[in-house]
Amino acid sequence: MPGPDPHDDTSADHEQFEKEQLAQDRDAAGVNTADIDDATAQRLVSDLVDADIVTPVPEDRVLAHEPSGATFDSTTQLAVFHRCWTAGRDADAGDE
């Protein structure tokens, strides 16, 4: 019985896909969010509110990130999310 057809071998495709996924994960992990303390988060969120990027929703006690549609009940979570979201958009813009 003959072995598998070498032309049907897709293992290299799978390995290439994994390499691309790992590279994307490394890029996403490259965003530094460790420097976001409470004061920094408050300033960033205040600037985002002034720029109409974030809308406070007092009755729900959340902050709505308008471009993404995400809501947060923590200014620090919102600040970290916005930095990562912006970095992701910048990376996507570089691919165009």
PDB file of N, CA and C in Angstrom:
ATOM      1  N   MET A   1       0.839  -1.165   0.000  1.00  0.00           N
ATOM      2  CA  MET A   1       0.000   0.000   0.000  1.00  0.00           C
ATOM      3  C   MET A   1       0.890   1.236   0.000  1.00  0.00           C
ATOM      4  N   PRO A   2       0.639   2.159  -0.909  1.00  0.00           N
ATOM      5  CA  PRO A   2       1.485   3.351  -0.986  1.00  0.00           C
ATOM      6  C   PRO A   2       1.190   4.303   0.178  1.00  0.00           C
ATOM      7  N   GLY A   3       2.167   5.146   0.535  1.00  0.00           N
ATOM      8  CA  GLY A   3       2.028   6.118   1.627  1.00  0.00           C
ATOM      9  C   GLY A   3       1.164   7.295   1.190  1.00  0.00           C
ATOM     10  N   PRO A   4       0.969   8.238   2.071  1.00  0.00           N
ATOM     11  CA  PRO A   4       0.158   9.407   1.744  1.00  0.00           C
ATOM     12  C   PRO A   4       0.793  10.222   0.610  1.00  0.00           C
ATOM     13  N   ASP A   5      -0.068  10.843  -0.162  1.00  0.00           N
ATOM     14  CA  ASP A   5       0.389  11.671  -1.277  1.00  0.00           C
ATOM     15  C   ASP A   5       1.066  12.924  -0.715  1.00  0.00           C
ATOM     16  N   PRO A   6       2.325  13.165  -1.056  1.00  0.00           N
ATOM     17  CA  PRO A   6       3.019  14.331  -0.509  1.00  0.00           C
ATOM     18  C   PRO A   6       2.389  15.657  -0.946  1.00  0.00           C
ATOM     19  N   HIS A   7       1.615  15.643  -2.018  1.00  0.00           N
ATOM     20  CA  HIS A   7       0.955  16.866  -2.490  1.00  0.00           C
ATOM     21  C   HIS A   7      -0.258  17.228  -1.632  1.00  0.00           C
ATOM     22  N   ASP A   8      -0.756  16.267  -0.866  1.00  0.00           N
ATOM     23  CA  ASP A   8      -1.905  16.516   0.009  1.00  0.00           C
ATOM     24  C   ASP A   8      -1.482  16.904   1.431  1.00  0.00           C
ATOM     25  N   ASP A   9      -0.196  16.986   1.679  1.00  0.00           N
ATOM     26  CA  ASP A   9       0.299  17.298   3.023  1.00  0.00           C
ATOM     27  C   ASP A   9       0.058  18.783   3.327  1.00  0.00           C
ATOM     28  N   THR A  10      -0.751  19.055   4.348  1.00  0.00           N
ATOM     29  CA  THR A  10      -1.064  20.441   4.720  1.00  0.00           C
ATOM     30  C   THR A  10      -0.425  20.845   6.047  1.00  0.00           C
ATOM     31  N   SER A  11       0.497  20.037   6.555  1.00  0.00           N
ATOM     32  CA  SER A  11       1.099  20.347   7.846  1.00  0.00           C
ATOM     33  C   SER A  11       1.854  21.677   7.820  1.00  0.00           C
ATOM     34  N   ALA A  12       2.488  22.009   6.702  1.00  0.00           N
ATOM     35  CA  ALA A  12       3.207  23.283   6.610  1.00  0.00           C
ATOM     36  C   ALA A  12       2.232  24.457   6.689  1.00  0.00           C
ATOM     37  N   ASP A  13       1.030  24.316   6.120  1.00  0.00           N
ATOM     38  CA  ASP A  13       0.021  25.372   6.193  1.00  0.00           C
ATOM     39  C   ASP A  13      -0.389  25.611   7.640  1.00  0.00           C
ATOM     40  N   HIS A  14      -0.587  24.534   8.374  1.00  0.00           N
ATOM     41  CA  HIS A  14      -0.982  24.642   9.779  1.00  0.00           C
ATOM     42  C   HIS A  14       0.118  25.319  10.589  1.00  0.00           C
ATOM     43  N   GLU A  15       1.366  24.951  10.328  1.00  0.00           N
ATOM     44  CA  GLU A  15       2.483  25.557  11.053  1.00  0.00           C
ATOM     45  C   GLU A  15       2.579  27.051  10.742  1.00  0.00           C
ATOM     46  N   GLN A  16       2.382  27.436   9.501  1.00  0.00           N
ATOM     47  CA  GLN A  16       2.428  28.848   9.119  1.00  0.00           C
ATOM     48  C   GLN A  16       1.303  29.617   9.805  1.00  0.00           C
ATOM     49  N   PHE A  17       0.121  29.033   9.856  1.00  0.00           N
ATOM     50  CA  PHE A  17      -1.013  29.675  10.525  1.00  0.00           C
ATOM     51  C   PHE A  17      -0.700  29.900  12.003  1.00  0.00           C
ATOM     52  N   GLU A  18      -0.122  28.885  12.658  1.00  0.00           N
ATOM     53  CA  GLU A  18       0.234  29.022  14.070  1.00  0.00           C
ATOM     54  C   GLU A  18       1.267  30.118  14.277  1.00  0.00           C
ATOM     55  N   LYS A  19       2.252  30.196  13.390  1.00  0.00           N
ATOM     56  CA  LYS A  19       3.270  31.248  13.505  1.00  0.00           C
ATOM     57  C   LYS A  19       2.641  32.633  13.390  1.00  0.00           C
ATOM     58  N   GLU A  20       1.696  32.796  12.472  1.00  0.00           N
ATOM     59  CA  GLU A  20       1.019  34.084  12.302  1.00  0.00           C
ATOM     60  C   GLU A  20       0.197  34.436  13.533  1.00  0.00           C
ATOM     61  N   GLN A  21      -0.492  33.449  14.115  1.00  0.00           N
ATOM     62  CA  GLN A  21      -1.296  33.698  15.303  1.00  0.00           C
ATOM     63  C   GLN A  21      -0.412  34.085  16.491  1.00  0.00           C
ATOM     64  N   LEU A  22       0.715  33.404  16.649  1.00  0.00           N
ATOM     65  CA  LEU A  22       1.632  33.742  17.732  1.00  0.00           C
ATOM     66  C   LEU A  22       2.202  35.138  17.559  1.00  0.00           C
ATOM     67  N   ALA A  23       2.501  35.527  16.325  1.00  0.00           N
ATOM     68  CA  ALA A  23       3.014  36.874  16.074  1.00  0.00           C
ATOM     69  C   ALA A  23       1.963  37.921  16.433  1.00  0.00           C
ATOM     70  N   GLN A  24       0.703  37.663  16.104  1.00  0.00           N
ATOM     71  CA  GLN A  24      -0.366  38.596  16.458  1.00  0.00           C
ATOM     72  C   GLN A  24      -0.527  38.677  17.969  1.00  0.00           C
ATOM     73  N   ASP A  25      -0.430  37.555  18.660  1.00  0.00           N
ATOM     74  CA  ASP A  25      -0.525  37.552  20.115  1.00  0.00           C
ATOM     75  C   ASP A  25       0.609  38.360  20.735  1.00  0.00           C
ATOM     76  N   ARG A  26       1.826  38.207  20.198  1.00  0.00           N
ATOM     77  CA  ARG A  26       2.962  38.972  20.711  1.00  0.00           C
ATOM     78  C   ARG A  26       2.749  40.464  20.486  1.00  0.00           C
ATOM     79  N   ASP A  27       2.210  40.835  19.325  1.00  0.00           N
ATOM     80  CA  ASP A  27       1.950  42.246  19.038  1.00  0.00           C
ATOM     81  C   ASP A  27       0.928  42.816  20.012  1.00  0.00           C
ATOM     82  N   ALA A  28      -0.131  42.073  20.266  1.00  0.00           N
ATOM     83  CA  ALA A  28      -1.170  42.532  21.190  1.00  0.00           C
ATOM     84  C   ALA A  28      -0.627  42.634  22.607  1.00  0.00           C
ATOM     85  N   ALA A  29       0.237  41.711  22.970  1.00  0.00           N
ATOM     86  CA  ALA A  29       0.806  41.730  24.316  1.00  0.00           C
ATOM     87  C   ALA A  29       1.814  42.858  24.478  1.00  0.00           C
ATOM     88  N   GLY A  30       2.260  43.443  23.375  1.00  0.00           N
ATOM     89  CA  GLY A  30       3.249  44.505  23.434  1.00  0.00           C
ATOM     90  C   GLY A  30       2.706  45.823  23.945  1.00  0.00           C
ATOM     91  N   VAL A  31       1.406  45.963  24.092  1.00  0.00           N
ATOM     92  CA  VAL A  31       0.817  47.190  24.609  1.00  0.00           C
ATOM     93  C   VAL A  31       1.083  47.255  26.100  1.00  0.00           C
ATOM     94  N   ASN A  32       1.719  48.332  26.536  1.00  0.00           N
ATOM     95  CA  ASN A  32       2.067  48.451  27.951  1.00  0.00           C
ATOM     96  C   ASN A  32       0.925  49.103  28.698  1.00  0.00           C
ATOM     97  N   THR A  33       0.299  48.355  29.571  1.00  0.00           N
ATOM     98  CA  THR A  33      -0.805  48.891  30.376  1.00  0.00           C
ATOM     99  C   THR A  33      -0.448  48.928  31.849  1.00  0.00           C
ATOM    100  N   ALA A  34       0.744  48.501  32.203  1.00  0.00           N
ATOM    101  CA  ALA A  34       1.147  48.458  33.603  1.00  0.00           C
ATOM    102  C   ALA A  34       1.279  49.854  34.206  1.00  0.00           C
ATOM    103  N   ASP A  35       1.461  50.863  33.354  1.00  0.00           N
ATOM    104  CA  ASP A  35       1.652  52.209  33.868  1.00  0.00           C
ATOM    105  C   ASP A  35       0.338  52.960  34.080  1.00  0.00           C
ATOM    106  N   ILE A  36      -0.790  52.281  33.983  1.00  0.00           N
ATOM    107  CA  ILE A  36      -2.079  52.931  34.189  1.00  0.00           C
ATOM    108  C   ILE A  36      -2.507  52.757  35.638  1.00  0.00           C
ATOM    109  N   ASP A  37      -2.251  53.787  36.427  1.00  0.00           N
ATOM    110  CA  ASP A  37      -2.735  53.779  37.801  1.00  0.00           C
ATOM    111  C   ASP A  37      -4.076  54.520  37.833  1.00  0.00           C
ATOM    112  N   ASP A  38      -4.658  54.645  38.998  1.00  0.00           N
ATOM    113  CA  ASP A  38      -5.981  55.283  39.103  1.00  0.00           C
ATOM    114  C   ASP A  38      -5.980  56.716  38.602  1.00  0.00           C
ATOM    115  N   ALA A  39      -4.956  57.481  38.967  1.00  0.00           N
ATOM    116  CA  ALA A  39      -4.899  58.887  38.552  1.00  0.00           C
ATOM    117  C   ALA A  39      -4.762  59.010  37.034  1.00  0.00           C
ATOM    118  N   THR A  40      -3.917  58.168  36.446  1.00  0.00           N
ATOM    119  CA  THR A  40      -3.738  58.184  34.994  1.00  0.00           C
ATOM    120  C   THR A  40      -5.036  57.783  34.302  1.00  0.00           C
ATOM    121  N   ALA A  41      -5.702  56.776  34.828  1.00  0.00           N
ATOM    122  CA  ALA A  41      -6.972  56.326  34.250  1.00  0.00           C
ATOM    123  C   ALA A  41      -8.014  57.436  34.322  1.00  0.00           C
ATOM    124  N   GLN A  42      -8.090  58.128  35.459  1.00  0.00           N
ATOM    125  CA  GLN A  42      -9.053  59.221  35.607  1.00  0.00           C
ATOM    126  C   GLN A  42      -8.794  60.323  34.583  1.00  0.00           C
ATOM    127  N   ARG A  43      -7.516  60.688  34.400  1.00  0.00           N
ATOM    128  CA  ARG A  43      -7.182  61.740  33.419  1.00  0.00           C
ATOM    129  C   ARG A  43      -7.536  61.298  32.007  1.00  0.00           C
ATOM    130  N   LEU A  44      -7.186  60.065  31.654  1.00  0.00           N
ATOM    131  CA  LEU A  44      -7.466  59.569  30.311  1.00  0.00           C
ATOM    132  C   LEU A  44      -8.964  59.530  30.052  1.00  0.00           C
ATOM    133  N   VAL A  45      -9.722  59.011  30.988  1.00  0.00           N
ATOM    134  CA  VAL A  45     -11.172  58.915  30.816  1.00  0.00           C
ATOM    135  C   VAL A  45     -11.786  60.311  30.737  1.00  0.00           C
ATOM    136  N   SER A  46     -11.297  61.233  31.544  1.00  0.00           N
ATOM    137  CA  SER A  46     -11.791  62.608  31.477  1.00  0.00           C
ATOM    138  C   SER A  46     -11.531  63.206  30.097  1.00  0.00           C
ATOM    139  N   ASP A  47     -10.336  62.975  29.554  1.00  0.00           N
ATOM    140  CA  ASP A  47     -10.012  63.456  28.203  1.00  0.00           C
ATOM    141  C   ASP A  47     -10.912  62.799  27.156  1.00  0.00           C
ATOM    142  N   LEU A  48     -11.194  61.504  27.337  1.00  0.00           N
ATOM    143  CA  LEU A  48     -12.052  60.790  26.383  1.00  0.00           C
ATOM    144  C   LEU A  48     -13.494  61.287  26.459  1.00  0.00           C
ATOM    145  N   VAL A  49     -13.955  61.639  27.658  1.00  0.00           N
ATOM    146  CA  VAL A  49     -15.300  62.214  27.804  1.00  0.00           C
ATOM    147  C   VAL A  49     -15.349  63.565  27.097  1.00  0.00           C
ATOM    148  N   ASP A  50     -14.319  64.391  27.307  1.00  0.00           N
ATOM    149  CA  ASP A  50     -14.258  65.707  26.656  1.00  0.00           C
ATOM    150  C   ASP A  50     -14.231  65.587  25.134  1.00  0.00           C
ATOM    151  N   ALA A  51     -13.629  64.518  24.632  1.00  0.00           N
ATOM    152  CA  ALA A  51     -13.527  64.305  23.186  1.00  0.00           C
ATOM    153  C   ALA A  51     -14.727  63.551  22.613  1.00  0.00           C
ATOM    154  N   ASP A  52     -15.740  63.295  23.438  1.00  0.00           N
ATOM    155  CA  ASP A  52     -16.943  62.553  23.035  1.00  0.00           C
ATOM    156  C   ASP A  52     -16.654  61.139  22.553  1.00  0.00           C
ATOM    157  N   ILE A  53     -15.607  60.546  23.080  1.00  0.00           N
ATOM    158  CA  ILE A  53     -15.294  59.151  22.781  1.00  0.00           C
ATOM    159  C   ILE A  53     -15.923  58.245  23.828  1.00  0.00           C
ATOM    160  N   VAL A  54     -16.063  58.777  25.047  1.00  0.00           N
ATOM    161  CA  VAL A  54     -16.682  58.054  26.147  1.00  0.00           C
ATOM    162  C   VAL A  54     -17.865  58.865  26.648  1.00  0.00           C
ATOM    163  N   THR A  55     -18.966  58.167  26.888  1.00  0.00           N
ATOM    164  CA  THR A  55     -20.172  58.810  27.412  1.00  0.00           C
ATOM    165  C   THR A  55     -20.522  58.196  28.760  1.00  0.00           C
ATOM    166  N   PRO A  56     -20.608  59.022  29.810  1.00  0.00           N
ATOM    167  CA  PRO A  56     -21.059  58.503  31.095  1.00  0.00           C
ATOM    168  C   PRO A  56     -22.559  58.193  31.041  1.00  0.00           C
ATOM    169  N   VAL A  57     -22.957  57.069  31.594  1.00  0.00           N
ATOM    170  CA  VAL A  57     -24.368  56.698  31.678  1.00  0.00           C
ATOM    171  C   VAL A  57     -24.690  56.603  33.166  1.00  0.00           C
ATOM    172  N   PRO A  58     -25.080  57.751  33.780  1.00  0.00           N
ATOM    173  CA  PRO A  58     -25.251  57.790  35.243  1.00  0.00           C
ATOM    174  C   PRO A  58     -26.284  56.806  35.781  1.00  0.00           C
ATOM    175  N   GLU A  59     -27.397  56.626  35.075  1.00  0.00           N
ATOM    176  CA  GLU A  59     -28.435  55.730  35.602  1.00  0.00           C
ATOM    177  C   GLU A  59     -27.968  54.278  35.680  1.00  0.00           C
ATOM    178  N   ASP A  60     -27.029  53.878  34.815  1.00  0.00           N
ATOM    179  CA  ASP A  60     -26.485  52.518  34.859  1.00  0.00           C
ATOM    180  C   ASP A  60     -25.126  52.462  35.564  1.00  0.00           C
ATOM    181  N   ARG A  61     -24.605  53.634  35.924  1.00  0.00           N
ATOM    182  CA  ARG A  61     -23.305  53.760  36.572  1.00  0.00           C
ATOM    183  C   ARG A  61     -22.200  53.088  35.768  1.00  0.00           C
ATOM    184  N   VAL A  62     -22.212  53.369  34.447  1.00  0.00           N
ATOM    185  CA  VAL A  62     -21.189  52.833  33.561  1.00  0.00           C
ATOM    186  C   VAL A  62     -20.680  53.945  32.646  1.00  0.00           C
ATOM    187  N   LEU A  63     -19.585  53.640  31.977  1.00  0.00           N
ATOM    188  CA  LEU A  63     -19.010  54.510  30.968  1.00  0.00           C
ATOM    189  C   LEU A  63     -19.074  53.767  29.645  1.00  0.00           C
ATOM    190  N   ALA A  64     -19.639  54.401  28.629  1.00  0.00           N
ATOM    191  CA  ALA A  64     -19.787  53.764  27.319  1.00  0.00           C
ATOM    192  C   ALA A  64     -18.684  54.244  26.386  1.00  0.00           C
ATOM    193  N   HIS A  65     -17.926  53.313  25.862  1.00  0.00           N
ATOM    194  CA  HIS A  65     -16.877  53.605  24.874  1.00  0.00           C
ATOM    195  C   HIS A  65     -17.560  53.604  23.512  1.00  0.00           C
ATOM    196  N   GLU A  66     -17.855  54.786  23.003  1.00  0.00           N
ATOM    197  CA  GLU A  66     -18.700  54.930  21.816  1.00  0.00           C
ATOM    198  C   GLU A  66     -18.178  54.217  20.569  1.00  0.00           C
ATOM    199  N   PRO A  67     -16.880  54.313  20.226  1.00  0.00           N
ATOM    200  CA  PRO A  67     -16.436  53.664  18.978  1.00  0.00           C
ATOM    201  C   PRO A  67     -16.619  52.147  18.968  1.00  0.00           C
ATOM    202  N   SER A  68     -16.485  51.522  20.138  1.00  0.00           N
ATOM    203  CA  SER A  68     -16.565  50.060  20.186  1.00  0.00           C
ATOM    204  C   SER A  68     -17.913  49.562  20.671  1.00  0.00           C
ATOM    205  N   GLY A  69     -18.658  50.426  21.384  1.00  0.00           N
ATOM    206  CA  GLY A  69     -19.931  50.007  21.951  1.00  0.00           C
ATOM    207  C   GLY A  69     -19.791  49.287  23.281  1.00  0.00           C
ATOM    208  N   ALA A  70     -18.574  49.183  23.807  1.00  0.00           N
ATOM    209  CA  ALA A  70     -18.333  48.502  25.079  1.00  0.00           C
ATOM    210  C   ALA A  70     -18.657  49.437  26.247  1.00  0.00           C
ATOM    211  N   THR A  71     -19.097  48.851  27.364  1.00  0.00           N
ATOM    212  CA  THR A  71     -19.362  49.634  28.564  1.00  0.00           C
ATOM    213  C   THR A  71     -18.509  49.111  29.714  1.00  0.00           C
ATOM    214  N   PHE A  72     -18.171  50.023  30.631  1.00  0.00           N
ATOM    215  CA  PHE A  72     -17.286  49.695  31.745  1.00  0.00           C
ATOM    216  C   PHE A  72     -17.794  50.353  33.003  1.00  0.00           C
ATOM    217  N   ASP A  73     -17.601  49.679  34.138  1.00  0.00           N
ATOM    218  CA  ASP A  73     -17.937  50.285  35.421  1.00  0.00           C
ATOM    219  C   ASP A  73     -16.672  50.686  36.180  1.00  0.00           C
ATOM    220  N   SER A  74     -15.542  50.598  35.523  1.00  0.00           N
ATOM    221  CA  SER A  74     -14.261  50.953  36.125  1.00  0.00           C
ATOM    222  C   SER A  74     -13.487  51.845  35.163  1.00  0.00           C
ATOM    223  N   THR A  75     -12.991  52.977  35.665  1.00  0.00           N
ATOM    224  CA  THR A  75     -12.198  53.867  34.803  1.00  0.00           C
ATOM    225  C   THR A  75     -10.887  53.206  34.402  1.00  0.00           C
ATOM    226  N   THR A  76     -10.311  52.393  35.290  1.00  0.00           N
ATOM    227  CA  THR A  76      -9.059  51.722  34.957  1.00  0.00           C
ATOM    228  C   THR A  76      -9.268  50.699  33.849  1.00  0.00           C
ATOM    229  N   GLN A  77     -10.346  49.916  33.936  1.00  0.00           N
ATOM    230  CA  GLN A  77     -10.640  48.943  32.876  1.00  0.00           C
ATOM    231  C   GLN A  77     -10.861  49.654  31.550  1.00  0.00           C
ATOM    232  N   LEU A  78     -11.587  50.760  31.587  1.00  0.00           N
ATOM    233  CA  LEU A  78     -11.838  51.522  30.363  1.00  0.00           C
ATOM    234  C   LEU A  78     -10.539  52.071  29.796  1.00  0.00           C
ATOM    235  N   ALA A  79      -9.673  52.612  30.640  1.00  0.00           N
ATOM    236  CA  ALA A  79      -8.407  53.167  30.169  1.00  0.00           C
ATOM    237  C   ALA A  79      -7.533  52.097  29.524  1.00  0.00           C
ATOM    238  N   VAL A  80      -7.441  50.940  30.170  1.00  0.00           N
ATOM    239  CA  VAL A  80      -6.658  49.834  29.607  1.00  0.00           C
ATOM    240  C   VAL A  80      -7.276  49.382  28.287  1.00  0.00           C
ATOM    241  N   PHE A  81      -8.595  49.221  28.255  1.00  0.00           N
ATOM    242  CA  PHE A  81      -9.270  48.808  27.037  1.00  0.00           C
ATOM    243  C   PHE A  81      -9.006  49.808  25.915  1.00  0.00           C
ATOM    244  N   HIS A  82      -9.138  51.102  26.208  1.00  0.00           N
ATOM    245  CA  HIS A  82      -8.975  52.115  25.159  1.00  0.00           C
ATOM    246  C   HIS A  82      -7.550  52.107  24.607  1.00  0.00           C
ATOM    247  N   ARG A  83      -6.564  51.950  25.483  1.00  0.00           N
ATOM    248  CA  ARG A  83      -5.177  51.890  24.993  1.00  0.00           C
ATOM    249  C   ARG A  83      -4.974  50.687  24.070  1.00  0.00           C
ATOM    250  N   CYS A  84      -5.469  49.542  24.479  1.00  0.00           N
ATOM    251  CA  CYS A  84      -5.328  48.337  23.643  1.00  0.00           C
ATOM    252  C   CYS A  84      -6.133  48.472  22.355  1.00  0.00           C
ATOM    253  N   TRP A  85      -7.328  49.021  22.461  1.00  0.00           N
ATOM    254  CA  TRP A  85      -8.187  49.207  21.295  1.00  0.00           C
ATOM    255  C   TRP A  85      -7.510  50.144  20.299  1.00  0.00           C
ATOM    256  N   THR A  86      -6.930  51.235  20.797  1.00  0.00           N
ATOM    257  CA  THR A  86      -6.241  52.189  19.930  1.00  0.00           C
ATOM    258  C   THR A  86      -5.016  51.542  19.290  1.00  0.00           C
ATOM    259  N   ALA A  87      -4.261  50.777  20.075  1.00  0.00           N
ATOM    260  CA  ALA A  87      -3.079  50.097  19.539  1.00  0.00           C
ATOM    261  C   ALA A  87      -3.477  49.101  18.461  1.00  0.00           C
ATOM    262  N   GLY A  88      -4.578  48.385  18.673  1.00  0.00           N
ATOM    263  CA  GLY A  88      -5.064  47.437  17.668  1.00  0.00           C
ATOM    264  C   GLY A  88      -5.491  48.128  16.394  1.00  0.00           C
ATOM    265  N   ARG A  89      -6.166  49.256  16.515  1.00  0.00           N
ATOM    266  CA  ARG A  89      -6.579  50.018  15.329  1.00  0.00           C
ATOM    267  C   ARG A  89      -5.370  50.566  14.593  1.00  0.00           C
ATOM    268  N   ASP A  90      -4.362  51.038  15.338  1.00  0.00           N
ATOM    269  CA  ASP A  90      -3.151  51.553  14.720  1.00  0.00           C
ATOM    270  C   ASP A  90      -2.417  50.445  13.969  1.00  0.00           C
ATOM    271  N   ALA A  91      -2.391  49.252  14.561  1.00  0.00           N
ATOM    272  CA  ALA A  91      -1.726  48.113  13.913  1.00  0.00           C
ATOM    273  C   ALA A  91      -2.473  47.723  12.644  1.00  0.00           C
ATOM    274  N   ASP A  92      -3.816  47.747  12.693  1.00  0.00           N
ATOM    275  CA  ASP A  92      -4.614  47.416  11.514  1.00  0.00           C
ATOM    276  C   ASP A  92      -4.407  48.458  10.421  1.00  0.00           C
ATOM    277  N   ALA A  93      -4.276  49.724  10.792  1.00  0.00           N
ATOM    278  CA  ALA A  93      -4.083  50.789   9.819  1.00  0.00           C
ATOM    279  C   ALA A  93      -2.734  50.629   9.119  1.00  0.00           C
ATOM    280  N   GLY A  94      -1.748  50.099   9.824  1.00  0.00           N
ATOM    281  CA  GLY A  94      -0.432  49.875   9.243  1.00  0.00           C
ATOM    282  C   GLY A  94      -0.440  48.743   8.221  1.00  0.00           C
ATOM    283  N   ASP A  95      -1.421  47.851   8.313  1.00  0.00           N
ATOM    284  CA  ASP A  95      -1.520  46.730   7.371  1.00  0.00           C
ATOM    285  C   ASP A  95      -2.121  47.144   6.041  1.00  0.00           C
ATOM    286  N   GLU A  96      -2.791  48.285   6.008  1.00  0.00           N
ATOM    287  CA  GLU A  96      -3.479  48.707   4.777  1.00  0.00           C
ATOM    288  C   GLU A  96      -2.541  49.266   3.763  1.00  0.00           C
TER     289      GLU A  96
END
